[in-house]
Amino acid sequence: MTVMTASAQEASRQRSGSRRFDRVVLTSVFGDPLDGRTWSGAPRNLADALQRQGVTVDGVHAHLTVAGKLQVAARNIVIGRGRPSRGEELLRSDLSRRRLAVQVAEAAARLGARHVMHTGAWDLPPADAGRGVRHYLYCDHTWALARRFHTDIARYAPRALEAYERVEHLSFAGLEHIFTFGTYVRDNLIDYYRVPPDRVTAVGSGMGKIEPWFGAKDYTRPTLLFVAKHHFHAKGGLLLIEAFRRAQARLPDLTLTIVGDERSRQCVPANPGIRFHSYLPWDELQRLYRGATLLTQPMLNDPWGQVYLEALVSRTPVLGLNRHGLPEIVSDGRYGFLVDRDDPGLVAEAIVKALADPARLARMATEGQQHVLVTYTWDAVATRILFS
């Protein structure tokens, strides 16, 4: 018996023109999946790439009403899973997921769809198993990976953690195939969740609207950039501010530009070297990426990091923690700097060392940009999903 590798299967499907599906329902619990503002634009970008391959894509936003959220919260309190205070605690609940899965099943039935692609596991397990509908998942993380560095894990009730674990296993078990952003997520699904290797494929991700920059750059300027639309603490904002203070003591002309939501402003101290922007149009954000010497984003618990790709395509090397998707994105340090622990002293030291070698930064920038342009495109993701 011959076992085909994922790449061989992809080549075989492409030769035969045998796609997984010609029509698919794309789902998201964070908003309309066909809206570019949902989940950093990933569902919309994936939909566009699939459509360029001739696939018809319908979008479904499964969501709870205010009354539904109150019911889920009340049930969690009654059965001893704690008092939910964050949206994540509601969405991870088995009752919430069942209700969202029913919405997806009903929408797929109305559309007459036989294939459903979930962008995240919070509207799983499938509610229409046994009806001939095939469900797929495109994900950047798992609960087992997320809880390792979760910034609020101590607040979760033990019963809630047990329930999240149980429903996550059920969610992965009922799927036709799982597609992951990174290979580290694929490995976790196989090793921890016991998903058969032939049912999970790492397909990567593409990028947003930031366009490549091929113009001149001065890597002697000590200019740092940090970008986080939300979750300022989890994205490493507080860690970076303390690290910046320490690095600034050694490099007085060091500057840091922070892009965050307005709520993050209160976390940023008065410092002549720090500039804060609460909202920027894409062209202005693109200008900041191109002008920065180093994207410094020591994210505590972000599974992938679209900002890393956006920086690299702008020929800006990146610096972050040696966890989750960043080691894979920078090829274990070839295109960026990895810090082993979330320690402000270590981050500060890494910043100072990185800025001390402009020639190395320039080399990283050029090679990193080429790596990203070749490896991380939505058309490549769509091809791998359809033919792997």
Protein backbone atom coordinates (compact mmCIF):
# COMPACT_ATOMS: atom_id res chain seq x y z
CA MET A 1 0.00 0.00 0.00
CA THR A 2 1.40 3.41 -1.02
CA VAL A 3 0.81 6.34 1.34
CA MET A 4 0.88 9.71 -0.41
CA THR A 5 2.40 12.75 1.27
CA ALA A 6 0.37 15.95 1.48
CA SER A 7 2.43 17.52 -1.31
CA ALA A 8 1.98 14.44 -3.52
CA GLN A 9 -1.76 14.49 -2.89
CA GLU A 10 -1.88 18.16 -3.80
CA ALA A 11 0.00 17.54 -7.05
CA SER A 12 -2.27 14.59 -7.87
CA ARG A 13 -5.44 16.59 -7.30
CA GLN A 14 -4.14 19.50 -9.38
CA ARG A 15 -3.25 17.20 -12.28
CA SER A 16 -6.71 15.68 -12.24
CA GLY A 17 -8.47 19.00 -11.58
CA SER A 18 -10.16 17.35 -8.60
CA ARG A 19 -11.00 20.08 -6.10
CA ARG A 20 -12.38 19.40 -2.65
CA PHE A 21 -15.43 21.52 -3.41
CA ASP A 22 -16.86 23.95 -5.93
CA ARG A 23 -19.08 25.72 -3.43
CA VAL A 24 -18.52 26.35 0.26
CA VAL A 25 -20.10 28.19 3.17
CA LEU A 26 -17.52 30.22 5.10
CA THR A 27 -18.40 30.90 8.75
CA SER A 28 -17.15 33.22 11.48
CA VAL A 29 -18.34 34.08 14.99
CA PHE A 30 -16.46 37.41 14.95
CA GLY A 31 -18.50 39.09 12.21
CA ASP A 32 -19.48 38.72 8.58
CA PRO A 33 -16.72 36.54 7.09
CA LEU A 34 -17.02 38.41 3.79
CA ASP A 35 -16.32 41.73 5.52
CA GLY A 36 -12.65 42.73 5.44
CA ARG A 37 -12.80 43.92 9.06
CA THR A 38 -13.53 40.44 10.44
CA TRP A 39 -10.62 38.53 12.05
CA SER A 40 -7.96 40.79 10.49
CA GLY A 41 -9.55 40.19 7.09
CA ALA A 42 -8.49 36.52 6.95
CA PRO A 43 -11.94 35.06 6.05
CA ARG A 44 -12.53 37.69 3.35
CA ASN A 45 -9.05 37.20 1.88
CA LEU A 46 -9.54 33.45 1.85
CA ALA A 47 -12.96 33.84 0.21
CA ASP A 48 -11.50 36.07 -2.51
CA ALA A 49 -8.72 33.57 -3.21
CA LEU A 50 -11.17 30.66 -3.40
CA GLN A 51 -13.37 32.66 -5.77
CA ARG A 52 -10.37 33.30 -8.02
CA GLN A 53 -10.14 29.50 -8.26
CA GLY A 54 -13.78 29.34 -9.41
CA VAL A 55 -15.33 28.39 -6.05
CA THR A 56 -18.66 29.93 -5.02
CA VAL A 57 -18.42 31.24 -1.44
CA ASP A 58 -21.32 32.13 0.86
CA GLY A 59 -20.73 33.80 4.20
CA VAL A 60 -22.48 33.04 7.51
CA HIS A 61 -22.00 35.02 10.73
CA ALA A 62 -23.12 32.79 13.59
CA HIS A 63 -23.68 34.86 16.72
CA LEU A 64 -25.52 34.98 20.02
CA THR A 65 -28.16 37.58 20.79
CA VAL A 66 -27.95 39.55 24.02
CA ALA A 67 -30.57 37.26 25.51
CA GLY A 68 -28.63 34.23 24.33
CA LYS A 69 -25.44 35.50 25.97
CA LEU A 70 -27.29 36.04 29.25
CA GLN A 71 -28.69 32.50 29.12
CA VAL A 72 -25.26 30.99 28.51
CA ALA A 73 -23.73 33.07 31.30
CA ALA A 74 -26.50 32.10 33.74
CA ARG A 75 -26.09 28.41 32.93
CA ASN A 76 -22.33 28.59 33.49
CA ILE A 77 -22.90 30.13 36.92
CA VAL A 78 -25.53 27.57 37.89
CA ILE A 79 -23.39 24.55 36.99
CA GLY A 80 -20.28 25.89 38.69
CA ARG A 81 -18.23 27.14 35.74
CA GLY A 82 -17.76 30.61 37.13
CA ARG A 83 -19.15 34.02 36.23
CA PRO A 84 -18.14 34.83 32.63
CA SER A 85 -16.75 38.33 32.27
CA ARG A 86 -15.23 38.08 28.80
CA GLY A 87 -16.59 37.13 25.41
CA GLU A 88 -14.13 34.26 25.13
CA GLU A 89 -15.60 32.56 28.21
CA LEU A 90 -19.06 32.64 26.64
CA LEU A 91 -17.91 31.46 23.21
CA ARG A 92 -15.92 28.54 24.60
CA SER A 93 -18.97 27.25 26.48
CA ASP A 94 -20.50 24.05 25.09
CA LEU A 95 -24.01 25.60 25.14
CA SER A 96 -22.83 28.60 23.15
CA ARG A 97 -21.06 26.40 20.63
CA ARG A 98 -24.09 24.17 20.17
CA ARG A 99 -26.30 27.18 19.47
CA LEU A 100 -23.82 28.66 17.01
CA ALA A 101 -23.42 25.27 15.30
CA VAL A 102 -27.20 25.04 14.86
CA GLN A 103 -27.21 28.47 13.20
CA VAL A 104 -24.51 27.31 10.79
CA ALA A 105 -26.40 24.08 10.01
CA GLU A 106 -29.64 25.95 9.36
CA ALA A 107 -27.89 28.46 7.08
CA ALA A 108 -26.16 25.69 5.14
CA ALA A 109 -29.50 23.91 4.70
CA ARG A 110 -31.18 27.09 3.40
CA LEU A 111 -28.34 27.59 0.93
CA GLY A 112 -28.33 23.94 -0.12
CA ALA A 113 -24.61 23.77 0.69
CA ARG A 114 -22.78 20.48 1.25
CA HIS A 115 -19.44 21.94 2.35
CA VAL A 116 -18.83 24.28 5.31
CA MET A 117 -15.51 25.93 6.20
CA HIS A 118 -15.28 27.21 9.78
CA THR A 119 -12.72 29.95 10.51
CA GLY A 120 -12.30 29.00 14.16
CA ALA A 121 -13.76 26.21 16.28
CA TRP A 122 -16.31 28.19 18.29
CA ASP A 123 -19.25 27.16 16.08
CA LEU A 124 -18.32 23.48 16.34
CA PRO A 125 -18.97 20.49 16.77
CA PRO A 126 -21.21 20.28 13.67
CA ALA A 127 -24.94 20.17 14.39
CA ASP A 128 -25.80 18.44 11.12
CA ALA A 129 -23.52 15.39 11.33
CA GLY A 130 -25.04 12.50 9.42
CA ARG A 131 -26.81 14.69 6.86
CA GLY A 132 -24.06 14.45 4.28
CA VAL A 133 -22.64 17.93 4.98
CA ARG A 134 -18.86 18.02 5.14
CA HIS A 135 -17.27 20.38 7.65
CA TYR A 136 -13.75 21.81 7.51
CA LEU A 137 -11.79 24.05 9.86
CA TYR A 138 -9.22 26.74 9.13
CA CYS A 139 -7.59 27.68 12.43
CA ASP A 140 -4.57 29.42 13.90
CA HIS A 141 -4.63 27.82 17.36
CA THR A 142 -6.09 25.21 19.70
CA TRP A 143 -7.25 25.54 23.30
CA ALA A 144 -4.36 23.35 24.48
CA LEU A 145 -1.90 25.79 22.92
CA ALA A 146 -3.78 28.91 24.00
CA ARG A 147 -4.00 28.01 27.66
CA ARG A 148 -0.22 27.56 28.02
CA PHE A 149 0.38 31.32 27.92
CA HIS A 150 -3.15 32.62 28.59
CA THR A 151 -2.85 35.90 30.48
CA ASP A 152 -6.11 35.31 32.44
CA ILE A 153 -6.02 31.54 32.92
CA ALA A 154 -6.04 31.86 36.73
CA ARG A 155 -9.53 33.39 36.60
CA TYR A 156 -11.12 30.37 34.90
CA ALA A 157 -13.05 27.94 37.08
CA PRO A 158 -11.74 24.33 37.03
CA ARG A 159 -15.07 23.04 35.72
CA ALA A 160 -14.96 25.56 32.90
CA LEU A 161 -11.47 24.43 31.89
CA GLU A 162 -12.61 20.80 31.88
CA ALA A 163 -15.61 21.67 29.72
CA TYR A 164 -13.51 23.64 27.23
CA GLU A 165 -11.15 20.70 26.91
CA ARG A 166 -13.96 18.21 26.34
CA VAL A 167 -15.83 20.23 23.70
CA GLU A 168 -12.59 21.01 21.86
CA HIS A 169 -11.88 17.29 21.43
CA LEU A 170 -15.43 16.75 20.15
CA SER A 171 -15.12 19.65 17.73
CA PHE A 172 -12.02 18.31 16.03
CA ALA A 173 -13.31 14.74 15.90
CA GLY A 174 -16.25 15.51 13.62
CA LEU A 175 -14.45 17.25 10.77
CA GLU A 176 -13.66 16.18 7.23
CA HIS A 177 -10.33 18.02 7.28
CA ILE A 178 -8.52 20.66 9.34
CA PHE A 179 -6.29 23.34 7.81
CA THR A 180 -3.91 25.26 10.05
CA PHE A 181 -1.92 28.46 9.78
CA GLY A 182 1.22 26.90 11.22
CA THR A 183 2.84 23.49 11.39
CA TYR A 184 3.09 23.80 15.17
CA VAL A 185 -0.74 23.84 15.32
CA ARG A 186 -0.89 20.84 13.01
CA ASP A 187 1.52 18.96 15.26
CA ASN A 188 -0.56 19.80 18.33
CA LEU A 189 -3.74 18.53 16.68
CA ILE A 190 -2.02 15.26 15.86
CA ASP A 191 -0.05 14.74 19.08
CA TYR A 192 -2.47 16.10 21.66
CA TYR A 193 -5.92 15.86 20.09
CA ARG A 194 -5.18 12.61 18.23
CA VAL A 195 -6.43 13.89 14.88
CA PRO A 196 -5.24 11.44 12.19
CA PRO A 197 -2.32 12.99 10.26
CA ASP A 198 -4.10 12.55 6.94
CA ARG A 199 -6.93 14.81 8.14
CA VAL A 200 -4.88 17.88 9.04
CA THR A 201 -2.72 20.06 6.77
CA ALA A 202 -0.68 23.19 7.48
CA VAL A 203 -1.55 25.66 4.71
CA GLY A 204 -0.18 28.93 6.11
CA SER A 205 -1.82 32.31 5.68
CA GLY A 206 -1.65 35.31 3.42
CA MET A 207 -1.32 38.99 4.20
CA GLY A 208 -3.58 42.02 4.46
CA LYS A 209 -3.47 45.27 2.51
CA ILE A 210 0.11 46.24 3.25
CA GLU A 211 2.01 46.39 -0.05
CA PRO A 212 5.68 45.42 -0.45
CA TRP A 213 8.27 48.17 -0.09
CA PHE A 214 11.34 48.03 -2.31
CA GLY A 215 12.62 51.57 -1.71
CA ALA A 216 15.53 52.82 0.36
CA LYS A 217 15.65 52.26 4.12
CA ASP A 218 18.01 53.50 6.81
CA TYR A 219 18.66 50.78 9.37
CA THR A 220 20.90 53.00 11.48
CA ARG A 221 17.86 54.84 12.89
CA PRO A 222 16.74 53.33 16.26
CA THR A 223 13.02 53.40 15.43
CA LEU A 224 10.71 50.76 16.91
CA LEU A 225 7.10 50.00 15.97
CA PHE A 226 4.33 48.15 17.85
CA VAL A 227 0.88 47.48 16.32
CA ALA A 228 -2.09 46.07 18.24
CA LYS A 229 -5.71 46.87 17.39
CA HIS A 230 -6.88 45.24 20.63
CA HIS A 231 -5.71 43.02 23.54
CA PHE A 232 -2.87 45.41 24.35
CA HIS A 233 -1.60 43.33 27.27
CA ALA A 234 -1.75 39.95 25.49
CA LYS A 235 -0.07 41.48 22.42
CA GLY A 236 2.89 42.39 24.63
CA GLY A 237 2.27 46.11 25.03
CA LEU A 238 3.01 46.40 28.75
CA LEU A 239 6.04 44.13 28.44
CA LEU A 240 7.41 46.24 25.59
CA ILE A 241 6.91 49.55 27.41
CA GLU A 242 9.03 48.35 30.32
CA ALA A 243 11.63 46.89 27.95
CA PHE A 244 11.69 50.15 26.00
CA ARG A 245 12.33 52.13 29.20
CA ARG A 246 15.37 49.95 29.92
CA ALA A 247 16.69 50.04 26.35
CA GLN A 248 16.16 53.81 26.19
CA ALA A 249 18.53 54.24 29.14
CA ARG A 250 21.26 52.80 26.91
CA LEU A 251 20.07 54.37 23.64
CA PRO A 252 18.78 57.88 24.43
CA ASP A 253 17.65 58.55 20.84
CA LEU A 254 15.53 55.37 20.74
CA THR A 255 11.91 55.96 19.70
CA LEU A 256 8.81 53.77 19.83
CA THR A 257 5.61 54.26 17.85
CA ILE A 258 2.58 52.45 19.25
CA VAL A 259 -0.56 51.85 17.19
CA GLY A 260 -3.49 50.64 19.33
CA ASP A 261 -7.13 51.22 20.10
CA GLU A 262 -8.13 54.23 22.17
CA ARG A 263 -8.50 52.10 25.32
CA SER A 264 -4.78 51.32 25.13
CA ARG A 265 -3.80 54.97 25.48
CA GLN A 266 -4.16 54.81 29.27
CA CYS A 267 -1.46 52.11 29.36
CA VAL A 268 1.13 54.30 27.63
CA PRO A 269 3.20 56.52 29.94
CA ALA A 270 4.29 60.05 29.16
CA ASN A 271 7.68 59.62 27.51
CA PRO A 272 9.26 61.89 24.89
CA GLY A 273 10.44 58.81 22.98
CA ILE A 274 6.98 57.24 22.64
CA ARG A 275 4.32 58.24 20.12
CA PHE A 276 0.81 56.79 20.30
CA HIS A 277 -1.78 56.52 17.49
CA SER A 278 -5.28 55.20 18.24
CA TYR A 279 -6.47 54.91 14.65
CA LEU A 280 -4.70 55.08 11.32
CA PRO A 281 -5.85 54.54 7.73
CA TRP A 282 -4.05 51.80 5.83
CA ASP A 283 -1.81 54.17 3.88
CA GLU A 284 -0.56 55.80 7.09
CA LEU A 285 0.01 52.44 8.79
CA GLN A 286 1.87 51.33 5.68
CA ARG A 287 4.10 54.41 5.96
CA LEU A 288 4.95 53.52 9.58
CA TYR A 289 5.84 49.93 8.64
CA ARG A 290 8.15 51.20 5.92
CA GLY A 291 9.81 53.79 8.16
CA ALA A 292 10.43 51.50 11.14
CA THR A 293 13.78 49.86 11.77
CA LEU A 294 12.36 47.02 13.85
CA LEU A 295 8.84 45.78 14.59
CA THR A 296 9.10 45.01 18.30
CA GLN A 297 6.10 42.87 19.23
CA PRO A 298 6.77 40.52 22.18
CA MET A 299 3.29 38.97 22.08
CA LEU A 300 2.42 36.89 25.12
CA ASN A 301 -0.32 34.79 23.57
CA ASP A 302 -1.00 35.52 19.92
CA PRO A 303 -1.18 32.36 17.83
CA TRP A 304 0.26 33.70 14.59
CA GLY A 305 0.78 37.43 14.17
CA GLN A 306 -0.34 39.09 10.95
CA VAL A 307 1.76 42.11 11.95
CA TYR A 308 4.94 40.09 11.55
CA LEU A 309 4.11 39.38 7.91
CA GLU A 310 3.12 42.99 7.29
CA ALA A 311 6.41 44.20 8.74
CA LEU A 312 8.54 41.72 6.83
CA VAL A 313 6.90 42.55 3.52
CA SER A 314 7.80 46.19 4.29
CA ARG A 315 11.44 45.12 4.73
CA THR A 316 11.26 45.63 8.49
CA PRO A 317 12.75 42.81 10.59
CA VAL A 318 10.76 41.69 13.62
CA LEU A 319 11.44 40.93 17.28
CA GLY A 320 9.17 38.84 19.47
CA LEU A 321 8.93 35.95 21.88
CA ASN A 322 10.09 32.47 20.94
CA ARG A 323 6.62 30.92 21.02
CA HIS A 324 3.58 30.13 18.90
CA GLY A 325 3.84 31.05 15.20
CA LEU A 326 6.75 33.52 15.21
CA PRO A 327 9.62 30.97 15.08
CA GLU A 328 7.99 29.45 12.00
CA ILE A 329 7.42 32.82 10.32
CA VAL A 330 11.04 33.93 10.80
CA SER A 331 12.55 30.50 10.15
CA ASP A 332 13.86 30.16 13.71
CA GLY A 333 15.62 33.51 13.71
CA ARG A 334 16.75 33.95 10.14
CA TYR A 335 14.41 36.90 9.45
CA GLY A 336 13.86 38.19 12.98
CA PHE A 337 14.89 38.05 16.61
CA LEU A 338 13.47 35.57 19.13
CA VAL A 339 13.45 36.19 22.89
CA ASP A 340 13.15 33.07 25.02
CA ARG A 341 11.12 34.51 27.92
CA ASP A 342 8.66 37.33 28.54
CA ASP A 343 11.22 39.21 30.61
CA PRO A 344 11.60 42.99 30.01
CA GLY A 345 15.33 42.80 30.63
CA LEU A 346 15.77 40.12 27.97
CA VAL A 347 13.58 42.02 25.51
CA ALA A 348 15.55 45.22 26.13
CA GLU A 349 18.84 43.42 25.61
CA ALA A 350 17.57 41.91 22.34
CA ILE A 351 16.48 45.36 21.12
CA VAL A 352 19.88 46.89 21.84
CA LYS A 353 21.75 44.01 20.16
CA ALA A 354 19.49 44.07 17.10
CA LEU A 355 19.94 47.82 16.55
CA ALA A 356 23.71 47.56 17.00
CA ASP A 357 24.10 45.75 13.65
CA PRO A 358 22.42 47.72 10.81
CA ALA A 359 24.01 45.52 8.16
CA ARG A 360 22.43 42.43 9.69
CA LEU A 361 19.05 44.21 9.85
CA ALA A 362 19.29 45.10 6.17
CA ARG A 363 20.16 41.53 5.22
CA MET A 364 17.33 40.13 7.34
CA ALA A 365 14.93 42.62 5.79
CA THR A 366 15.73 41.72 2.20
CA GLU A 367 15.71 37.96 2.75
CA GLY A 368 12.64 38.11 4.98
CA GLN A 369 10.64 40.05 2.43
CA GLN A 370 11.42 37.53 -0.30
CA HIS A 371 10.52 34.66 2.02
CA VAL A 372 7.14 36.19 2.86
CA LEU A 373 6.29 37.11 -0.74
CA VAL A 374 6.92 33.53 -1.87
CA THR A 375 5.49 31.67 1.11
CA TYR A 376 2.55 33.62 2.52
CA THR A 377 -0.08 34.35 -0.13
CA TRP A 378 -3.82 33.76 0.00
CA ASP A 379 -3.77 32.17 -3.44
CA ALA A 380 -1.30 29.57 -2.13
CA VAL A 381 -3.56 28.96 0.90
CA ALA A 382 -6.60 28.46 -1.32
CA THR A 383 -4.69 26.07 -3.58
CA ARG A 384 -3.52 23.97 -0.64
CA ILE A 385 -7.04 23.82 0.80
CA LEU A 386 -8.61 22.80 -2.49
CA PHE A 387 -6.04 20.28 -3.67
CA SER A 388 -4.17 18.88 -0.63
